[in-house]
């Protein structure tokens, strides 16, 4: 049976509703959620909460996000002992779902993002459809995945790592 992946133009921002990160206080799983209802608005305020230690912090409105975003865009890596530390771009905290894979870092914001990656990687047939208004463009997450994820030779290793990340949820 051929597993088919059809690109419905999901973007990375579609998975930002809930981002799993390491709590800065207890090192457990914390969630970054949107405070107001405007999910796609760039001015949406984010709040981090940890159910383990009750840590809570809300994103400030004074431009701190801009500094964190610059750090995130410049190197994607925290200054720590770990070889891989992908940071969220709201608070600059390491993502919970990340692991070394094929000499790169495999990461996801949450379980839905992880499921998207799993479906893409395990599929043998990957289809893209043109947008009705824009035609062919590469704004979707599937079109912007790195080449190492798309390669067939890495398929089994990536799927194993995805299962490991799922067990950490």
C-alpha atoms as a PDB file:
ATOM      1  CA  UNK A   1       0.000   0.000   0.000  1.00  0.00           C
ATOM      2  CA  UNK A   2       1.331   3.426  -0.964  1.00  0.00           C
ATOM      3  CA  UNK A   3       1.133   6.004   1.797  1.00  0.00           C
ATOM      4  CA  UNK A   4       0.211   9.357   0.274  1.00  0.00           C
ATOM      5  CA  UNK A   5       0.989  12.804   1.621  1.00  0.00           C
ATOM      6  CA  UNK A   6      -1.010  15.688   0.216  1.00  0.00           C
ATOM      7  CA  UNK A   7       0.228  19.189   1.013  1.00  0.00           C
ATOM      8  CA  UNK A   8      -2.705  21.307   2.197  1.00  0.00           C
ATOM      9  CA  UNK A   9      -0.448  24.358   2.588  1.00  0.00           C
ATOM     10  CA  UNK A  10       0.019  24.131   6.352  1.00  0.00           C
ATOM     11  CA  UNK A  11       2.548  26.649   7.603  1.00  0.00           C
ATOM     12  CA  UNK A  12       4.837  26.449  10.607  1.00  0.00           C
ATOM     13  CA  UNK A  13       2.755  29.196  12.229  1.00  0.00           C
ATOM     14  CA  UNK A  14      -0.259  26.859  12.130  1.00  0.00           C
ATOM     15  CA  UNK A  15       1.465  24.796  14.850  1.00  0.00           C
ATOM     16  CA  UNK A  16       2.231  27.759  17.152  1.00  0.00           C
ATOM     17  CA  UNK A  17      -1.061  27.465  19.043  1.00  0.00           C
ATOM     18  CA  UNK A  18       0.793  25.349  21.623  1.00  0.00           C
ATOM     19  CA  UNK A  19       4.586  25.085  21.844  1.00  0.00           C
ATOM     20  CA  UNK A  20       6.221  22.620  24.244  1.00  0.00           C
ATOM     21  CA  UNK A  21       9.430  23.944  25.845  1.00  0.00           C
ATOM     22  CA  UNK A  22      11.704  23.191  28.806  1.00  0.00           C
ATOM     23  CA  UNK A  23      10.617  25.042  31.920  1.00  0.00           C
ATOM     24  CA  UNK A  24      13.381  27.454  33.010  1.00  0.00           C
ATOM     25  CA  UNK A  25      12.589  26.747  36.664  1.00  0.00           C
ATOM     26  CA  UNK A  26      12.195  22.941  36.943  1.00  0.00           C
ATOM     27  CA  UNK A  27      13.415  21.706  33.519  1.00  0.00           C
ATOM     28  CA  UNK A  28      10.077  19.908  32.994  1.00  0.00           C
ATOM     29  CA  UNK A  29       7.613  20.321  30.132  1.00  0.00           C
ATOM     30  CA  UNK A  30       6.050  23.768  29.888  1.00  0.00           C
ATOM     31  CA  UNK A  31       3.573  25.110  27.327  1.00  0.00           C
ATOM     32  CA  UNK A  32       3.571  28.393  25.476  1.00  0.00           C
ATOM     33  CA  UNK A  33      -0.001  29.379  24.653  1.00  0.00           C
ATOM     34  CA  UNK A  34      -1.611  32.395  22.996  1.00  0.00           C
ATOM     35  CA  UNK A  35      -3.352  34.667  25.514  1.00  0.00           C
ATOM     36  CA  UNK A  36      -5.692  36.505  23.138  1.00  0.00           C
ATOM     37  CA  UNK A  37      -7.862  34.892  20.490  1.00  0.00           C
ATOM     38  CA  UNK A  38      -6.042  36.295  17.438  1.00  0.00           C
ATOM     39  CA  UNK A  39      -3.892  33.228  16.716  1.00  0.00           C
ATOM     40  CA  UNK A  40      -2.364  34.474  13.479  1.00  0.00           C
ATOM     41  CA  UNK A  41      -1.814  38.042  14.629  1.00  0.00           C
ATOM     42  CA  UNK A  42       1.871  38.946  15.051  1.00  0.00           C
ATOM     43  CA  UNK A  43       0.855  41.042  18.059  1.00  0.00           C
ATOM     44  CA  UNK A  44      -0.665  38.043  19.866  1.00  0.00           C
ATOM     45  CA  UNK A  45       0.608  37.832  23.437  1.00  0.00           C
ATOM     46  CA  UNK A  46       2.095  34.520  24.538  1.00  0.00           C
ATOM     47  CA  UNK A  47       2.160  33.018  28.025  1.00  0.00           C
ATOM     48  CA  UNK A  48       4.331  30.183  29.291  1.00  0.00           C
ATOM     49  CA  UNK A  49       2.961  27.907  31.999  1.00  0.00           C
ATOM     50  CA  UNK A  50       4.419  24.840  33.681  1.00  0.00           C
ATOM     51  CA  UNK A  51       2.070  22.352  35.335  1.00  0.00           C
ATOM     52  CA  UNK A  52       4.919  20.792  37.325  1.00  0.00           C
ATOM     53  CA  UNK A  53       6.175  23.822  39.263  1.00  0.00           C
ATOM     54  CA  UNK A  54       3.450  26.429  38.476  1.00  0.00           C
ATOM     55  CA  UNK A  55       5.928  28.699  36.673  1.00  0.00           C
ATOM     56  CA  UNK A  56       4.115  31.377  34.656  1.00  0.00           C
ATOM     57  CA  UNK A  57       5.397  34.239  32.578  1.00  0.00           C
ATOM     58  CA  UNK A  58       3.693  36.428  30.030  1.00  0.00           C
ATOM     59  CA  UNK A  59       5.460  37.933  27.059  1.00  0.00           C
ATOM     60  CA  UNK A  60       6.182  41.597  27.584  1.00  0.00           C
ATOM     61  CA  UNK A  61       4.963  44.180  25.103  1.00  0.00           C
ATOM     62  CA  UNK A  62       8.190  46.228  25.197  1.00  0.00           C
ATOM     63  CA  UNK A  63       9.933  44.545  22.252  1.00  0.00           C
ATOM     64  CA  UNK A  64      11.643  41.745  24.170  1.00  0.00           C
ATOM     65  CA  UNK A  65      10.228  39.330  21.586  1.00  0.00           C
ATOM     66  CA  UNK A  66      12.225  41.146  18.913  1.00  0.00           C
ATOM     67  CA  UNK A  67      15.523  40.455  20.735  1.00  0.00           C
ATOM     68  CA  UNK A  68      14.563  36.829  21.309  1.00  0.00           C
ATOM     69  CA  UNK A  69      13.535  36.469  17.674  1.00  0.00           C
ATOM     70  CA  UNK A  70      16.905  37.820  16.525  1.00  0.00           C
ATOM     71  CA  UNK A  71      18.720  35.294  18.725  1.00  0.00           C
ATOM     72  CA  UNK A  72      16.501  32.539  17.318  1.00  0.00           C
ATOM     73  CA  UNK A  73      17.069  33.598  13.707  1.00  0.00           C
ATOM     74  CA  UNK A  74      20.826  34.066  14.035  1.00  0.00           C
ATOM     75  CA  UNK A  75      21.875  30.646  15.236  1.00  0.00           C
ATOM     76  CA  UNK A  76      18.962  28.527  16.527  1.00  0.00           C
ATOM     77  CA  UNK A  77      21.268  27.258  19.269  1.00  0.00           C
ATOM     78  CA  UNK A  78      21.472  28.038  22.959  1.00  0.00           C
ATOM     79  CA  UNK A  79      24.780  28.751  24.606  1.00  0.00           C
ATOM     80  CA  UNK A  80      24.914  25.536  26.627  1.00  0.00           C
ATOM     81  CA  UNK A  81      26.750  22.229  26.910  1.00  0.00           C
ATOM     82  CA  UNK A  82      24.249  20.513  24.628  1.00  0.00           C
ATOM     83  CA  UNK A  83      25.047  20.063  20.938  1.00  0.00           C
ATOM     84  CA  UNK A  84      21.479  20.758  19.926  1.00  0.00           C
ATOM     85  CA  UNK A  85      19.239  23.333  21.530  1.00  0.00           C
ATOM     86  CA  UNK A  86      16.554  24.694  19.236  1.00  0.00           C
ATOM     87  CA  UNK A  87      14.901  27.684  20.916  1.00  0.00           C
ATOM     88  CA  UNK A  88      11.362  28.948  20.672  1.00  0.00           C
ATOM     89  CA  UNK A  89      11.169  32.467  19.247  1.00  0.00           C
ATOM     90  CA  UNK A  90       8.925  33.939  21.941  1.00  0.00           C
ATOM     91  CA  UNK A  91      10.857  33.315  25.178  1.00  0.00           C
ATOM     92  CA  UNK A  92      14.113  31.851  23.889  1.00  0.00           C
ATOM     93  CA  UNK A  93      13.625  28.523  25.712  1.00  0.00           C
ATOM     94  CA  UNK A  94      14.725  25.112  24.364  1.00  0.00           C
ATOM     95  CA  UNK A  95      11.983  23.131  22.650  1.00  0.00           C
ATOM     96  CA  UNK A  96      10.899  19.973  24.460  1.00  0.00           C
ATOM     97  CA  UNK A  97      10.630  17.916  21.272  1.00  0.00           C
ATOM     98  CA  UNK A  98      14.111  17.896  19.758  1.00  0.00           C
ATOM     99  CA  UNK A  99      16.769  15.291  19.163  1.00  0.00           C
ATOM    100  CA  UNK A 100      19.893  14.713  17.137  1.00  0.00           C
ATOM    101  CA  UNK A 101      19.183  12.824  13.907  1.00  0.00           C
ATOM    102  CA  UNK A 102      21.317  12.162  10.817  1.00  0.00           C
ATOM    103  CA  UNK A 103      23.833  14.806  11.873  1.00  0.00           C
ATOM    104  CA  UNK A 104      21.076  17.441  12.168  1.00  0.00           C
ATOM    105  CA  UNK A 105      18.449  18.424  14.727  1.00  0.00           C
ATOM    106  CA  UNK A 106      14.948  17.006  14.370  1.00  0.00           C
ATOM    107  CA  UNK A 107      12.478  19.240  16.208  1.00  0.00           C
ATOM    108  CA  UNK A 108       8.757  19.898  16.538  1.00  0.00           C
ATOM    109  CA  UNK A 109       6.609  22.405  18.401  1.00  0.00           C
ATOM    110  CA  UNK A 110       3.999  19.912  19.626  1.00  0.00           C
ATOM    111  CA  UNK A 111       2.361  16.557  18.954  1.00  0.00           C
ATOM    112  CA  UNK A 112       0.396  17.832  15.937  1.00  0.00           C
ATOM    113  CA  UNK A 113       3.628  19.118  14.347  1.00  0.00           C
ATOM    114  CA  UNK A 114       5.310  15.794  15.106  1.00  0.00           C
ATOM    115  CA  UNK A 115       2.406  13.905  13.482  1.00  0.00           C
ATOM    116  CA  UNK A 116       2.699  16.141  10.406  1.00  0.00           C
ATOM    117  CA  UNK A 117       6.410  15.331  10.110  1.00  0.00           C
ATOM    118  CA  UNK A 118       5.763  11.616  10.607  1.00  0.00           C
ATOM    119  CA  UNK A 119       3.106  11.536   7.880  1.00  0.00           C
ATOM    120  CA  UNK A 120       5.397  13.412   5.503  1.00  0.00           C
ATOM    121  CA  UNK A 121       8.451  11.234   6.139  1.00  0.00           C
ATOM    122  CA  UNK A 122       6.681   7.858   5.955  1.00  0.00           C
ATOM    123  CA  UNK A 123       4.846   8.707   2.737  1.00  0.00           C
ATOM    124  CA  UNK A 124       6.138   7.279  -0.509  1.00  0.00           C
ATOM    125  CA  UNK A 125       4.061   9.645  -2.638  1.00  0.00           C
ATOM    126  CA  UNK A 126       4.130  13.371  -1.833  1.00  0.00           C
ATOM    127  CA  UNK A 127       1.728  15.631  -3.688  1.00  0.00           C
ATOM    128  CA  UNK A 128       1.537  19.393  -3.885  1.00  0.00           C
ATOM    129  CA  UNK A 129      -1.374  21.277  -5.355  1.00  0.00           C
ATOM    130  CA  UNK A 130      -1.252  24.845  -6.682  1.00  0.00           C
ATOM    131  CA  UNK A 131      -3.022  27.557  -4.707  1.00  0.00           C
ATOM    132  CA  UNK A 132      -6.152  28.911  -6.433  1.00  0.00           C
ATOM    133  CA  UNK A 133      -4.985  32.516  -6.195  1.00  0.00           C
ATOM    134  CA  UNK A 134      -1.185  32.318  -5.936  1.00  0.00           C
ATOM    135  CA  UNK A 135      -0.463  29.320  -8.133  1.00  0.00           C
ATOM    136  CA  UNK A 136       2.711  27.362  -7.325  1.00  0.00           C
ATOM    137  CA  UNK A 137       4.609  28.770  -4.357  1.00  0.00           C
ATOM    138  CA  UNK A 138       6.723  27.410  -1.534  1.00  0.00           C
ATOM    139  CA  UNK A 139       5.124  28.979   1.520  1.00  0.00           C
ATOM    140  CA  UNK A 140       3.932  25.702   3.009  1.00  0.00           C
ATOM    141  CA  UNK A 141       5.835  23.813   5.678  1.00  0.00           C
ATOM    142  CA  UNK A 142       6.179  20.725   3.467  1.00  0.00           C
ATOM    143  CA  UNK A 143       7.872  22.753   0.730  1.00  0.00           C
ATOM    144  CA  UNK A 144      10.284  24.319   3.227  1.00  0.00           C
ATOM    145  CA  UNK A 145      11.431  21.182   5.030  1.00  0.00           C
ATOM    146  CA  UNK A 146      15.198  20.678   4.890  1.00  0.00           C
ATOM    147  CA  UNK A 147      16.558  18.325   2.255  1.00  0.00           C
ATOM    148  CA  UNK A 148      17.854  15.773   4.779  1.00  0.00           C
ATOM    149  CA  UNK A 149      14.280  15.136   5.976  1.00  0.00           C
ATOM    150  CA  UNK A 150      13.087  14.593   2.404  1.00  0.00           C
ATOM    151  CA  UNK A 151      15.738  11.995   1.542  1.00  0.00           C
ATOM    152  CA  UNK A 152      14.628   8.360   1.373  1.00  0.00           C
ATOM    153  CA  UNK A 153      17.912   7.134   2.880  1.00  0.00           C
ATOM    154  CA  UNK A 154      17.081   8.875   6.185  1.00  0.00           C
ATOM    155  CA  UNK A 155      13.449   7.716   6.367  1.00  0.00           C
ATOM    156  CA  UNK A 156      13.849   4.856   8.883  1.00  0.00           C
ATOM    157  CA  UNK A 157      16.174   6.784  11.211  1.00  0.00           C
ATOM    158  CA  UNK A 158      13.875   9.829  11.244  1.00  0.00           C
ATOM    159  CA  UNK A 159      10.806   7.681  11.948  1.00  0.00           C
ATOM    160  CA  UNK A 160      12.648   6.021  14.876  1.00  0.00           C
ATOM    161  CA  UNK A 161      13.531   9.431  16.310  1.00  0.00           C
ATOM    162  CA  UNK A 162       9.949  10.638  15.884  1.00  0.00           C
ATOM    163  CA  UNK A 163       8.761   7.629  17.915  1.00  0.00           C
ATOM    164  CA  UNK A 164      11.310   8.468  20.629  1.00  0.00           C
ATOM    165  CA  UNK A 165      10.023  12.045  20.746  1.00  0.00           C
ATOM    166  CA  UNK A 166       6.431  10.803  20.978  1.00  0.00           C
ATOM    167  CA  UNK A 167       7.363   8.706  24.005  1.00  0.00           C
ATOM    168  CA  UNK A 168       8.659  11.828  25.734  1.00  0.00           C
ATOM    169  CA  UNK A 169       5.195  13.435  25.614  1.00  0.00           C
END
